[in-house]
Amino acid sequence: MSAFDDYLAQLRRLDEARRTADETAARTATVTESLGQRTSRLTDQAGARRAAVDELARTARTAPPQRLPAPPPLTGDPNADIAAAEADLHVAATELEEARYLAHRPPWLPRWRSDERNGLIYGLFAVVCVVVQLFVLRNLRAEDALGAVLLAAVLIGCPLGAFGLGWLTIGVAARPKIGDEEKRLERNFRLGLVVCGSTLVVAFLGFFS
């Protein structure tokens, strides 16, 4: 091979090396640009999530969560760190939707249906009512008209009092932090009357058993 042919071969190798270097630089620039775009998108999404959380807290009349400093990079690999940030944002979006759902639900037993929650409230007052009725039946004797009137007043008044207290408690325990104030609160009127009124039967059965 002549010196000129060797020179041409070296030029081809140099040209190929430059072309490879240009392609590598182009790929690096593309990756860098893609990472920058993803970072910008994640930053915008995180800002939108923070604004949504603050708005939800303001509407629910509660303090917004405390802001924590940004954590350092986890791995040093930009792609892995951005993927982890995307996963965290996805979890944050899910938790935000869950918070919105719970904010529109009653603060006490929010995942229960209204009839289940109201039945429990009426039932708790009904249990107290039965205890009072049994105490009165066992200790108060209707030996005269006044005793009979007092006994009847206690036995009838206890179920009514239990129903009234249950009605008022539902108004507090079942009112969501966020909701339409004009919307009528579901109190299960018939359910309350049945549960509290049945204490009379339970008390008499317990007294005569």
N, C-alpha and C. Protein backbone atom coordinates (compact mmCIF):
# COMPACT_ATOMS: atom_id res chain seq x y z
N MET A 1 0.87 -1.19 0.00
CA MET A 1 0.00 0.00 0.00
C MET A 1 0.90 1.23 0.00
N SER A 2 0.59 2.17 -0.88
CA SER A 2 1.38 3.39 -0.99
C SER A 2 1.06 4.32 0.17
N ALA A 3 1.92 5.29 0.29
CA ALA A 3 1.70 6.29 1.34
C ALA A 3 0.41 7.05 1.10
N PHE A 4 0.05 7.29 -0.14
CA PHE A 4 -1.18 8.01 -0.44
C PHE A 4 -2.41 7.18 -0.04
N ASP A 5 -2.35 5.86 -0.32
CA ASP A 5 -3.47 5.00 0.08
C ASP A 5 -3.61 4.95 1.60
N ASP A 6 -2.49 4.91 2.29
CA ASP A 6 -2.53 4.93 3.76
C ASP A 6 -3.11 6.24 4.26
N TYR A 7 -2.78 7.29 3.60
CA TYR A 7 -3.32 8.60 3.97
C TYR A 7 -4.84 8.63 3.78
N LEU A 8 -5.32 8.09 2.66
CA LEU A 8 -6.77 8.06 2.41
C LEU A 8 -7.48 7.18 3.45
N ALA A 9 -6.87 6.08 3.82
CA ALA A 9 -7.49 5.20 4.83
C ALA A 9 -7.59 5.90 6.17
N GLN A 10 -6.56 6.64 6.52
CA GLN A 10 -6.62 7.40 7.77
C GLN A 10 -7.70 8.48 7.73
N LEU A 11 -7.84 9.12 6.56
CA LEU A 11 -8.89 10.13 6.43
C LEU A 11 -10.27 9.50 6.60
N ARG A 12 -10.45 8.29 6.01
CA ARG A 12 -11.75 7.63 6.15
C ARG A 12 -12.02 7.27 7.61
N ARG A 13 -10.96 6.79 8.30
CA ARG A 13 -11.14 6.45 9.72
C ARG A 13 -11.47 7.69 10.55
N LEU A 14 -10.79 8.79 10.25
CA LEU A 14 -11.08 10.03 10.96
C LEU A 14 -12.50 10.52 10.68
N ASP A 15 -12.89 10.41 9.39
CA ASP A 15 -14.23 10.84 9.03
C ASP A 15 -15.28 9.98 9.73
N GLU A 16 -15.04 8.68 9.79
CA GLU A 16 -15.97 7.78 10.48
C GLU A 16 -16.01 8.08 11.98
N ALA A 17 -14.84 8.38 12.55
CA ALA A 17 -14.80 8.71 13.98
C ALA A 17 -15.56 9.99 14.26
N ARG A 18 -15.40 11.01 13.37
CA ARG A 18 -16.15 12.26 13.55
C ARG A 18 -17.65 12.03 13.42
N ARG A 19 -18.02 11.22 12.42
CA ARG A 19 -19.44 10.93 12.23
C ARG A 19 -20.03 10.21 13.44
N THR A 20 -19.28 9.26 14.00
CA THR A 20 -19.74 8.55 15.20
C THR A 20 -19.87 9.51 16.38
N ALA A 21 -18.88 10.42 16.50
CA ALA A 21 -18.93 11.39 17.60
C ALA A 21 -20.12 12.32 17.43
N ASP A 22 -20.41 12.75 16.19
CA ASP A 22 -21.56 13.63 15.96
C ASP A 22 -22.87 12.92 16.29
N GLU A 23 -22.97 11.65 15.89
CA GLU A 23 -24.19 10.89 16.20
C GLU A 23 -24.37 10.71 17.70
N THR A 24 -23.26 10.43 18.39
CA THR A 24 -23.34 10.28 19.86
C THR A 24 -23.75 11.60 20.52
N ALA A 25 -23.20 12.70 20.03
CA ALA A 25 -23.55 14.01 20.59
C ALA A 25 -25.02 14.33 20.32
N ALA A 26 -25.50 13.95 19.12
CA ALA A 26 -26.90 14.21 18.79
C ALA A 26 -27.82 13.39 19.68
N ARG A 27 -27.45 12.12 19.92
CA ARG A 27 -28.28 11.29 20.81
C ARG A 27 -28.27 11.83 22.23
N THR A 28 -27.09 12.28 22.66
CA THR A 28 -26.99 12.85 24.01
C THR A 28 -27.85 14.11 24.13
N ALA A 29 -27.83 14.95 23.10
CA ALA A 29 -28.64 16.17 23.12
C ALA A 29 -30.12 15.83 23.13
N THR A 30 -30.49 14.78 22.37
CA THR A 30 -31.90 14.37 22.35
C THR A 30 -32.34 13.88 23.71
N VAL A 31 -31.47 13.05 24.35
CA VAL A 31 -31.81 12.54 25.68
C VAL A 31 -31.90 13.68 26.68
N THR A 32 -30.93 14.62 26.61
CA THR A 32 -30.94 15.76 27.53
C THR A 32 -32.19 16.60 27.35
N GLU A 33 -32.55 16.81 26.11
CA GLU A 33 -33.77 17.58 25.85
C GLU A 33 -34.99 16.85 26.36
N SER A 34 -35.04 15.53 26.19
CA SER A 34 -36.17 14.75 26.66
C SER A 34 -36.26 14.80 28.19
N LEU A 35 -35.12 14.67 28.87
CA LEU A 35 -35.11 14.75 30.33
C LEU A 35 -35.56 16.13 30.80
N GLY A 36 -35.12 17.17 30.10
CA GLY A 36 -35.54 18.52 30.47
C GLY A 36 -37.04 18.70 30.31
N GLN A 37 -37.57 18.17 29.21
CA GLN A 37 -39.01 18.28 29.00
C GLN A 37 -39.78 17.51 30.06
N ARG A 38 -39.32 16.30 30.39
CA ARG A 38 -40.00 15.51 31.42
C ARG A 38 -39.91 16.19 32.78
N THR A 39 -38.75 16.77 33.07
CA THR A 39 -38.60 17.48 34.34
C THR A 39 -39.53 18.68 34.41
N SER A 40 -39.63 19.42 33.31
CA SER A 40 -40.54 20.58 33.27
C SER A 40 -41.98 20.14 33.44
N ARG A 41 -42.35 19.03 32.79
CA ARG A 41 -43.73 18.54 32.92
C ARG A 41 -44.02 18.11 34.35
N LEU A 42 -43.07 17.39 34.97
CA LEU A 42 -43.27 16.96 36.35
C LEU A 42 -43.35 18.15 37.30
N THR A 43 -42.56 19.17 37.03
CA THR A 43 -42.61 20.37 37.86
C THR A 43 -43.99 21.04 37.77
N ASP A 44 -44.52 21.13 36.55
CA ASP A 44 -45.85 21.72 36.37
C ASP A 44 -46.91 20.89 37.06
N GLN A 45 -46.81 19.57 36.93
CA GLN A 45 -47.80 18.70 37.57
C GLN A 45 -47.72 18.79 39.08
N ALA A 46 -46.50 18.84 39.62
CA ALA A 46 -46.35 18.96 41.08
C ALA A 46 -46.93 20.28 41.58
N GLY A 47 -46.71 21.36 40.82
CA GLY A 47 -47.30 22.65 41.21
C GLY A 47 -48.81 22.61 41.18
N ALA A 48 -49.37 21.94 40.16
CA ALA A 48 -50.83 21.82 40.09
C ALA A 48 -51.38 20.99 41.24
N ARG A 49 -50.66 19.92 41.61
CA ARG A 49 -51.09 19.10 42.75
C ARG A 49 -51.06 19.91 44.04
N ARG A 50 -50.01 20.69 44.25
CA ARG A 50 -49.93 21.51 45.47
C ARG A 50 -51.07 22.52 45.52
N ALA A 51 -51.37 23.14 44.39
CA ALA A 51 -52.46 24.10 44.35
C ALA A 51 -53.79 23.42 44.65
N ALA A 52 -53.98 22.21 44.11
CA ALA A 52 -55.23 21.49 44.35
C ALA A 52 -55.36 21.10 45.81
N VAL A 53 -54.25 20.68 46.42
CA VAL A 53 -54.28 20.31 47.85
C VAL A 53 -54.61 21.54 48.71
N ASP A 54 -53.98 22.67 48.41
CA ASP A 54 -54.26 23.90 49.17
C ASP A 54 -55.71 24.33 49.00
N GLU A 55 -56.25 24.21 47.80
CA GLU A 55 -57.64 24.58 47.56
C GLU A 55 -58.58 23.66 48.32
N LEU A 56 -58.28 22.35 48.31
CA LEU A 56 -59.11 21.40 49.05
C LEU A 56 -59.06 21.69 50.55
N ALA A 57 -57.88 21.98 51.07
CA ALA A 57 -57.75 22.29 52.50
C ALA A 57 -58.51 23.57 52.84
N ARG A 58 -58.43 24.56 51.97
CA ARG A 58 -59.14 25.82 52.22
C ARG A 58 -60.65 25.59 52.21
N THR A 59 -61.14 24.82 51.25
CA THR A 59 -62.57 24.55 51.16
C THR A 59 -63.05 23.74 52.36
N ALA A 60 -62.21 22.81 52.81
CA ALA A 60 -62.58 21.97 53.96
C ALA A 60 -62.32 22.65 55.29
N ARG A 61 -61.81 23.89 55.24
CA ARG A 61 -61.54 24.67 56.44
C ARG A 61 -60.58 23.93 57.39
N THR A 62 -59.50 23.46 56.81
CA THR A 62 -58.48 22.79 57.59
C THR A 62 -57.11 23.27 57.14
N ALA A 63 -56.10 23.03 57.96
CA ALA A 63 -54.75 23.51 57.63
C ALA A 63 -54.16 22.67 56.50
N PRO A 64 -53.52 23.31 55.54
CA PRO A 64 -52.88 22.54 54.46
C PRO A 64 -51.70 21.75 55.00
N PRO A 65 -51.31 20.66 54.34
CA PRO A 65 -50.17 19.88 54.82
C PRO A 65 -48.88 20.69 54.77
N GLN A 66 -47.99 20.38 55.69
CA GLN A 66 -46.72 21.09 55.75
C GLN A 66 -45.85 20.76 54.55
N ARG A 67 -45.23 21.78 54.00
CA ARG A 67 -44.34 21.59 52.86
C ARG A 67 -42.99 21.02 53.34
N LEU A 68 -42.55 19.96 52.69
CA LEU A 68 -41.27 19.34 53.01
C LEU A 68 -40.24 19.72 51.96
N PRO A 69 -38.96 19.82 52.36
CA PRO A 69 -37.92 20.15 51.36
C PRO A 69 -37.79 19.03 50.34
N ALA A 70 -37.38 19.40 49.14
CA ALA A 70 -37.22 18.42 48.08
C ALA A 70 -36.13 17.42 48.45
N PRO A 71 -36.37 16.13 48.28
CA PRO A 71 -35.35 15.14 48.62
C PRO A 71 -34.21 15.16 47.61
N PRO A 72 -33.03 14.73 48.00
CA PRO A 72 -31.90 14.68 47.06
C PRO A 72 -32.13 13.58 46.03
N PRO A 73 -31.40 13.59 44.91
CA PRO A 73 -31.54 12.52 43.91
C PRO A 73 -31.29 11.15 44.55
N LEU A 74 -32.09 10.19 44.14
CA LEU A 74 -32.03 8.88 44.77
C LEU A 74 -30.86 8.04 44.26
N THR A 75 -30.66 8.02 42.97
CA THR A 75 -29.69 7.11 42.38
C THR A 75 -28.57 7.83 41.63
N GLY A 76 -28.75 9.07 41.29
CA GLY A 76 -27.79 9.74 40.45
C GLY A 76 -28.05 9.53 38.97
N ASP A 77 -28.94 8.61 38.65
CA ASP A 77 -29.34 8.38 37.26
C ASP A 77 -30.57 9.24 36.97
N PRO A 78 -30.46 10.22 36.08
CA PRO A 78 -31.61 11.11 35.83
C PRO A 78 -32.87 10.36 35.40
N ASN A 79 -32.71 9.35 34.55
CA ASN A 79 -33.88 8.60 34.09
C ASN A 79 -34.57 7.88 35.23
N ALA A 80 -33.78 7.24 36.10
CA ALA A 80 -34.36 6.53 37.23
C ALA A 80 -35.01 7.49 38.21
N ASP A 81 -34.36 8.64 38.48
CA ASP A 81 -34.94 9.61 39.40
C ASP A 81 -36.23 10.20 38.87
N ILE A 82 -36.28 10.47 37.56
CA ILE A 82 -37.51 11.02 36.98
C ILE A 82 -38.61 9.98 37.00
N ALA A 83 -38.26 8.71 36.73
CA ALA A 83 -39.27 7.65 36.80
C ALA A 83 -39.82 7.52 38.22
N ALA A 84 -38.95 7.64 39.24
CA ALA A 84 -39.42 7.59 40.63
C ALA A 84 -40.32 8.78 40.94
N ALA A 85 -39.96 9.97 40.42
CA ALA A 85 -40.79 11.16 40.64
C ALA A 85 -42.16 11.00 39.97
N GLU A 86 -42.18 10.41 38.79
CA GLU A 86 -43.46 10.17 38.11
C GLU A 86 -44.33 9.21 38.92
N ALA A 87 -43.71 8.17 39.48
CA ALA A 87 -44.47 7.22 40.32
C ALA A 87 -45.02 7.92 41.56
N ASP A 88 -44.20 8.79 42.18
CA ASP A 88 -44.67 9.53 43.36
C ASP A 88 -45.83 10.46 43.01
N LEU A 89 -45.76 11.10 41.85
CA LEU A 89 -46.85 11.98 41.43
C LEU A 89 -48.12 11.19 41.17
N HIS A 90 -47.98 9.98 40.64
CA HIS A 90 -49.16 9.13 40.42
C HIS A 90 -49.81 8.76 41.75
N VAL A 91 -48.98 8.41 42.74
CA VAL A 91 -49.51 8.10 44.08
C VAL A 91 -50.18 9.33 44.68
N ALA A 92 -49.55 10.51 44.49
CA ALA A 92 -50.12 11.75 45.02
C ALA A 92 -51.47 12.05 44.38
N ALA A 93 -51.60 11.80 43.07
CA ALA A 93 -52.88 12.04 42.40
C ALA A 93 -53.96 11.11 42.95
N THR A 94 -53.60 9.85 43.19
CA THR A 94 -54.56 8.90 43.76
C THR A 94 -54.99 9.32 45.16
N GLU A 95 -54.03 9.74 45.97
CA GLU A 95 -54.35 10.17 47.34
C GLU A 95 -55.17 11.47 47.34
N LEU A 96 -54.93 12.34 46.37
CA LEU A 96 -55.72 13.56 46.27
C LEU A 96 -57.17 13.25 45.94
N GLU A 97 -57.40 12.32 45.03
CA GLU A 97 -58.77 11.92 44.72
C GLU A 97 -59.44 11.28 45.93
N GLU A 98 -58.67 10.48 46.68
CA GLU A 98 -59.21 9.87 47.89
C GLU A 98 -59.57 10.95 48.92
N ALA A 99 -58.72 11.96 49.05
CA ALA A 99 -59.00 13.05 50.00
C ALA A 99 -60.25 13.82 49.57
N ARG A 100 -60.40 14.05 48.28
CA ARG A 100 -61.60 14.74 47.80
C ARG A 100 -62.85 13.94 48.10
N TYR A 101 -62.77 12.63 47.91
CA TYR A 101 -63.92 11.76 48.21
C TYR A 101 -64.28 11.83 49.69
N LEU A 102 -63.27 11.70 50.55
CA LEU A 102 -63.53 11.70 51.98
C LEU A 102 -64.00 13.07 52.47
N ALA A 103 -63.54 14.15 51.82
CA ALA A 103 -63.97 15.48 52.23
C ALA A 103 -65.45 15.70 51.98
N HIS A 104 -66.02 14.99 51.03
CA HIS A 104 -67.45 15.10 50.73
C HIS A 104 -68.28 14.04 51.47
N ARG A 105 -67.62 13.29 52.35
CA ARG A 105 -68.30 12.28 53.13
C ARG A 105 -68.34 12.72 54.60
N PRO A 106 -69.22 12.13 55.41
CA PRO A 106 -69.24 12.48 56.84
C PRO A 106 -67.90 12.15 57.49
N PRO A 107 -67.44 12.96 58.43
CA PRO A 107 -66.14 12.70 59.07
C PRO A 107 -66.13 11.45 59.92
N TRP A 108 -67.30 11.00 60.42
CA TRP A 108 -67.39 9.81 61.25
C TRP A 108 -67.87 8.64 60.40
N LEU A 109 -67.06 7.59 60.33
CA LEU A 109 -67.37 6.42 59.49
C LEU A 109 -67.70 6.85 58.06
N PRO A 110 -66.77 7.49 57.39
CA PRO A 110 -67.07 8.07 56.07
C PRO A 110 -67.39 7.05 54.99
N ARG A 111 -66.92 5.82 55.14
CA ARG A 111 -67.14 4.82 54.10
C ARG A 111 -68.42 4.03 54.29
N TRP A 112 -69.14 4.29 55.37
CA TRP A 112 -70.40 3.60 55.60
C TRP A 112 -71.52 4.29 54.83
N ARG A 113 -72.55 3.51 54.50
CA ARG A 113 -73.75 4.11 53.93
C ARG A 113 -74.51 4.86 55.01
N SER A 114 -75.35 5.78 54.60
CA SER A 114 -76.04 6.62 55.58
C SER A 114 -76.96 5.79 56.47
N ASP A 115 -77.65 4.78 55.92
CA ASP A 115 -78.55 3.99 56.76
C ASP A 115 -77.76 3.14 57.77
N GLU A 116 -76.58 2.67 57.39
CA GLU A 116 -75.75 1.91 58.34
C GLU A 116 -75.25 2.80 59.47
N ARG A 117 -74.75 3.97 59.11
CA ARG A 117 -74.21 4.89 60.12
C ARG A 117 -75.33 5.40 61.02
N ASN A 118 -76.46 5.78 60.43
CA ASN A 118 -77.57 6.28 61.23
C ASN A 118 -78.17 5.18 62.11
N GLY A 119 -78.21 3.95 61.57
CA GLY A 119 -78.71 2.84 62.38
C GLY A 119 -77.84 2.60 63.60
N LEU A 120 -76.52 2.74 63.44
CA LEU A 120 -75.62 2.59 64.58
C LEU A 120 -75.85 3.69 65.61
N ILE A 121 -76.03 4.92 65.15
CA ILE A 121 -76.25 6.03 66.08
C ILE A 121 -77.55 5.84 66.84
N TYR A 122 -78.63 5.55 66.11
CA TYR A 122 -79.90 5.31 66.79
C TYR A 122 -79.79 4.11 67.74
N GLY A 123 -79.04 3.08 67.30
CA GLY A 123 -78.91 1.88 68.13
C GLY A 123 -78.18 2.16 69.43
N LEU A 124 -77.14 2.99 69.40
CA LEU A 124 -76.41 3.31 70.64
C LEU A 124 -77.32 4.01 71.65
N PHE A 125 -78.10 4.97 71.16
CA PHE A 125 -79.02 5.65 72.08
C PHE A 125 -80.14 4.71 72.52
N ALA A 126 -80.53 3.77 71.66
CA ALA A 126 -81.57 2.81 72.04
C ALA A 126 -81.08 1.89 73.14
N VAL A 127 -79.81 1.51 73.11
CA VAL A 127 -79.26 0.66 74.16
C VAL A 127 -79.31 1.38 75.51
N VAL A 128 -78.90 2.64 75.52
CA VAL A 128 -78.99 3.43 76.75
C VAL A 128 -80.43 3.54 77.21
N CYS A 129 -81.32 3.72 76.27
CA CYS A 129 -82.74 3.83 76.59
C CYS A 129 -83.27 2.56 77.25
N VAL A 130 -82.87 1.39 76.72
CA VAL A 130 -83.30 0.12 77.31
C VAL A 130 -82.79 -0.02 78.74
N VAL A 131 -81.55 0.37 78.97
CA VAL A 131 -80.99 0.28 80.33
C VAL A 131 -81.79 1.15 81.29
N VAL A 132 -82.12 2.36 80.87
CA VAL A 132 -82.90 3.26 81.73
C VAL A 132 -84.31 2.69 81.95
N GLN A 133 -84.93 2.17 80.91
CA GLN A 133 -86.27 1.62 81.06
C GLN A 133 -86.28 0.43 82.01
N LEU A 134 -85.31 -0.47 81.88
CA LEU A 134 -85.25 -1.62 82.79
C LEU A 134 -85.03 -1.18 84.23
N PHE A 135 -84.18 -0.18 84.42
CA PHE A 135 -83.96 0.34 85.77
C PHE A 135 -85.26 0.89 86.35
N VAL A 136 -86.00 1.65 85.55
CA VAL A 136 -87.26 2.23 86.03
C VAL A 136 -88.28 1.15 86.31
N LEU A 137 -88.41 0.16 85.41
CA LEU A 137 -89.39 -0.91 85.61
C LEU A 137 -89.10 -1.74 86.86
N ARG A 138 -87.83 -1.90 87.17
CA ARG A 138 -87.48 -2.74 88.32
C ARG A 138 -87.51 -1.98 89.65
N ASN A 139 -87.46 -0.65 89.59
CA ASN A 139 -87.35 0.11 90.83
C ASN A 139 -88.53 1.04 91.09
N LEU A 140 -89.30 1.37 90.06
CA LEU A 140 -90.42 2.29 90.26
C LEU A 140 -91.72 1.51 90.20
N ARG A 141 -92.52 1.57 91.26
CA ARG A 141 -93.79 0.84 91.32
C ARG A 141 -94.94 1.81 91.11
N ALA A 142 -95.89 1.38 90.28
CA ALA A 142 -97.06 2.21 90.01
C ALA A 142 -98.12 1.91 91.06
N GLU A 143 -97.86 2.31 92.32
CA GLU A 143 -98.78 2.01 93.41
C GLU A 143 -99.91 3.03 93.50
N ASP A 144 -99.76 4.18 92.89
CA ASP A 144 -100.82 5.17 92.87
C ASP A 144 -100.84 5.82 91.49
N ALA A 145 -101.76 6.78 91.32
CA ALA A 145 -101.91 7.42 90.02
C ALA A 145 -100.65 8.17 89.62
N LEU A 146 -100.02 8.85 90.60
CA LEU A 146 -98.82 9.61 90.29
C LEU A 146 -97.69 8.69 89.86
N GLY A 147 -97.56 7.55 90.55
CA GLY A 147 -96.51 6.59 90.18
C GLY A 147 -96.75 6.02 88.79
N ALA A 148 -98.04 5.77 88.47
CA ALA A 148 -98.35 5.21 87.15
C ALA A 148 -98.06 6.23 86.06
N VAL A 149 -98.42 7.50 86.33
CA VAL A 149 -98.15 8.55 85.33
C VAL A 149 -96.64 8.72 85.13
N LEU A 150 -95.88 8.71 86.23
CA LEU A 150 -94.44 8.88 86.15
C LEU A 150 -93.80 7.70 85.41
N LEU A 151 -94.30 6.50 85.70
CA LEU A 151 -93.75 5.32 85.03
C LEU A 151 -94.02 5.38 83.53
N ALA A 152 -95.24 5.74 83.16
CA ALA A 152 -95.59 5.83 81.73
C ALA A 152 -94.79 6.94 81.05
N ALA A 153 -94.60 8.05 81.76
CA ALA A 153 -93.85 9.16 81.16
C ALA A 153 -92.41 8.76 80.89
N VAL A 154 -91.81 8.04 81.84
CA VAL A 154 -90.42 7.63 81.65
C VAL A 154 -90.31 6.61 80.53
N LEU A 155 -91.21 5.63 80.52
CA LEU A 155 -91.13 4.56 79.52
C LEU A 155 -91.39 5.09 78.11
N ILE A 156 -92.27 6.07 77.99
CA ILE A 156 -92.56 6.63 76.66
C ILE A 156 -91.57 7.73 76.31
N GLY A 157 -91.17 8.48 77.33
CA GLY A 157 -90.25 9.59 77.05
C GLY A 157 -88.85 9.13 76.67
N CYS A 158 -88.41 7.99 77.22
CA CYS A 158 -87.07 7.50 76.90
C CYS A 158 -86.90 7.21 75.41
N PRO A 159 -87.81 6.46 74.77
CA PRO A 159 -87.65 6.24 73.33
C PRO A 159 -87.68 7.53 72.52
N LEU A 160 -88.56 8.46 72.91
CA LEU A 160 -88.60 9.74 72.21
C LEU A 160 -87.31 10.52 72.41
N GLY A 161 -86.78 10.48 73.64
CA GLY A 161 -85.52 11.17 73.90
C GLY A 161 -84.36 10.53 73.12
N ALA A 162 -84.36 9.18 73.05
CA ALA A 162 -83.31 8.50 72.29
C ALA A 162 -83.39 8.87 70.82
N PHE A 163 -84.62 8.93 70.29
CA PHE A 163 -84.78 9.31 68.89
C PHE A 163 -84.31 10.75 68.65
N GLY A 164 -84.69 11.66 69.56
CA GLY A 164 -84.29 13.05 69.41
C GLY A 164 -82.78 13.24 69.49
N LEU A 165 -82.15 12.55 70.46
CA LEU A 165 -80.70 12.66 70.58
C LEU A 165 -80.00 12.05 69.37
N GLY A 166 -80.53 10.94 68.86
CA GLY A 166 -79.96 10.35 67.65
C GLY A 166 -80.10 11.27 66.46
N TRP A 167 -81.27 11.91 66.35
CA TRP A 167 -81.51 12.86 65.26
C TRP A 167 -80.50 14.01 65.29
N LEU A 168 -80.28 14.56 66.49
CA LEU A 168 -79.33 15.66 66.62
C LEU A 168 -77.89 15.20 66.38
N THR A 169 -77.55 14.02 66.86
CA THR A 169 -76.19 13.50 66.68
C THR A 169 -75.89 13.27 65.20
N ILE A 170 -76.86 12.78 64.47
CA ILE A 170 -76.66 12.57 63.03
C ILE A 170 -76.39 13.91 62.35
N GLY A 171 -77.05 14.96 62.79
CA GLY A 171 -76.83 16.27 62.20
C GLY A 171 -75.40 16.76 62.37
N VAL A 172 -74.71 16.26 63.42
CA VAL A 172 -73.31 16.65 63.65
C VAL A 172 -72.35 15.63 63.03
N ALA A 173 -72.59 14.35 63.31
CA ALA A 173 -71.64 13.31 62.89
C ALA A 173 -71.71 13.01 61.40
N ALA A 174 -72.85 13.25 60.77
CA ALA A 174 -73.02 12.87 59.37
C ALA A 174 -72.94 14.04 58.40
N ARG A 175 -72.53 15.20 58.90
CA ARG A 175 -72.43 16.36 58.00
C ARG A 175 -71.02 16.44 57.45
N PRO A 176 -70.86 16.34 56.13
CA PRO A 176 -69.51 16.37 55.55
C PRO A 176 -68.87 17.75 55.66
N LYS A 177 -67.52 17.76 55.58
CA LYS A 177 -66.81 19.04 55.62
C LYS A 177 -67.06 19.87 54.38
N ILE A 178 -67.27 19.21 53.25
CA ILE A 178 -67.56 19.89 52.00
C ILE A 178 -68.85 19.32 51.45
N GLY A 179 -69.80 20.16 51.19
CA GLY A 179 -71.06 19.69 50.65
C GLY A 179 -72.02 20.83 50.45
N ASP A 180 -73.09 20.54 49.78
CA ASP A 180 -74.12 21.53 49.53
C ASP A 180 -74.95 21.71 50.78
N GLU A 181 -74.91 22.90 51.35
CA GLU A 181 -75.67 23.16 52.58
C GLU A 181 -77.17 23.07 52.35
N GLU A 182 -77.59 23.26 51.09
CA GLU A 182 -79.03 23.20 50.81
C GLU A 182 -79.52 21.77 50.72
N LYS A 183 -78.59 20.83 50.53
CA LYS A 183 -78.99 19.44 50.40
C LYS A 183 -79.46 18.91 51.75
N ARG A 184 -80.62 18.25 51.75
CA ARG A 184 -81.19 17.75 52.99
C ARG A 184 -80.36 16.57 53.51
N LEU A 185 -80.01 16.64 54.79
CA LEU A 185 -79.22 15.59 55.39
C LEU A 185 -80.08 14.35 55.60
N GLU A 186 -79.59 13.21 55.18
CA GLU A 186 -80.33 11.96 55.33
C GLU A 186 -80.26 11.49 56.78
N ARG A 187 -81.44 11.43 57.44
CA ARG A 187 -81.48 11.04 58.86
C ARG A 187 -82.22 9.74 59.09
N ASN A 188 -82.81 9.13 58.08
CA ASN A 188 -83.52 7.85 58.21
C ASN A 188 -84.57 7.92 59.32
N PHE A 189 -85.56 8.76 59.08
CA PHE A 189 -86.60 9.01 60.08
C PHE A 189 -87.29 7.72 60.53
N ARG A 190 -87.74 6.92 59.58
CA ARG A 190 -88.46 5.68 59.93
C ARG A 190 -87.55 4.70 60.66
N LEU A 191 -86.32 4.60 60.22
CA LEU A 191 -85.39 3.70 60.89
C LEU A 191 -85.20 4.11 62.34
N GLY A 192 -85.06 5.41 62.60
CA GLY A 192 -84.90 5.87 63.97
C GLY A 192 -86.11 5.57 64.83
N LEU A 193 -87.31 5.76 64.27
CA LEU A 193 -88.52 5.47 65.05
C LEU A 193 -88.63 3.99 65.38
N VAL A 194 -88.29 3.14 64.42
CA VAL A 194 -88.39 1.70 64.66
C VAL A 194 -87.38 1.25 65.71
N VAL A 195 -86.12 1.70 65.54
CA VAL A 195 -85.07 1.27 66.48
C VAL A 195 -85.35 1.78 67.89
N CYS A 196 -85.68 3.06 68.02
CA CYS A 196 -85.90 3.62 69.36
C CYS A 196 -87.24 3.16 69.94
N GLY A 197 -88.27 3.04 69.09
CA GLY A 197 -89.57 2.59 69.61
C GLY A 197 -89.56 1.14 70.05
N SER A 198 -88.70 0.33 69.44
CA SER A 198 -88.66 -1.09 69.83
C SER A 198 -88.08 -1.29 71.22
N THR A 199 -87.51 -0.26 71.82
CA THR A 199 -86.97 -0.41 73.17
C THR A 199 -88.07 -0.71 74.18
N LEU A 200 -89.28 -0.25 73.90
CA LEU A 200 -90.38 -0.57 74.80
C LEU A 200 -90.61 -2.07 74.87
N VAL A 201 -90.63 -2.72 73.70
CA VAL A 201 -90.82 -4.17 73.66
C VAL A 201 -89.66 -4.88 74.33
N VAL A 202 -88.45 -4.45 74.03
CA VAL A 202 -87.26 -5.08 74.63
C VAL A 202 -87.26 -4.91 76.13
N ALA A 203 -87.62 -3.73 76.61
CA ALA A 203 -87.62 -3.48 78.06
C ALA A 203 -88.64 -4.36 78.78
N PHE A 204 -89.84 -4.48 78.22
CA PHE A 204 -90.87 -5.31 78.86
C PHE A 204 -90.49 -6.78 78.81
N LEU A 205 -89.91 -7.24 77.70
CA LEU A 205 -89.47 -8.62 77.65
C LEU A 205 -88.36 -8.88 78.66
N GLY A 206 -87.46 -7.94 78.79
CA GLY A 206 -86.39 -8.09 79.77
C GLY A 206 -86.90 -8.04 81.21
N PHE A 207 -87.95 -7.26 81.44
CA PHE A 207 -88.51 -7.12 82.79
C PHE A 207 -89.25 -8.39 83.21
N PHE A 208 -90.00 -8.99 82.27
CA PHE A 208 -90.82 -10.14 82.62
C PHE A 208 -90.08 -11.47 82.40
N SER A 209 -88.88 -11.43 81.83
CA SER A 209 -88.16 -12.69 81.60
C SER A 209 -87.46 -13.17 82.87
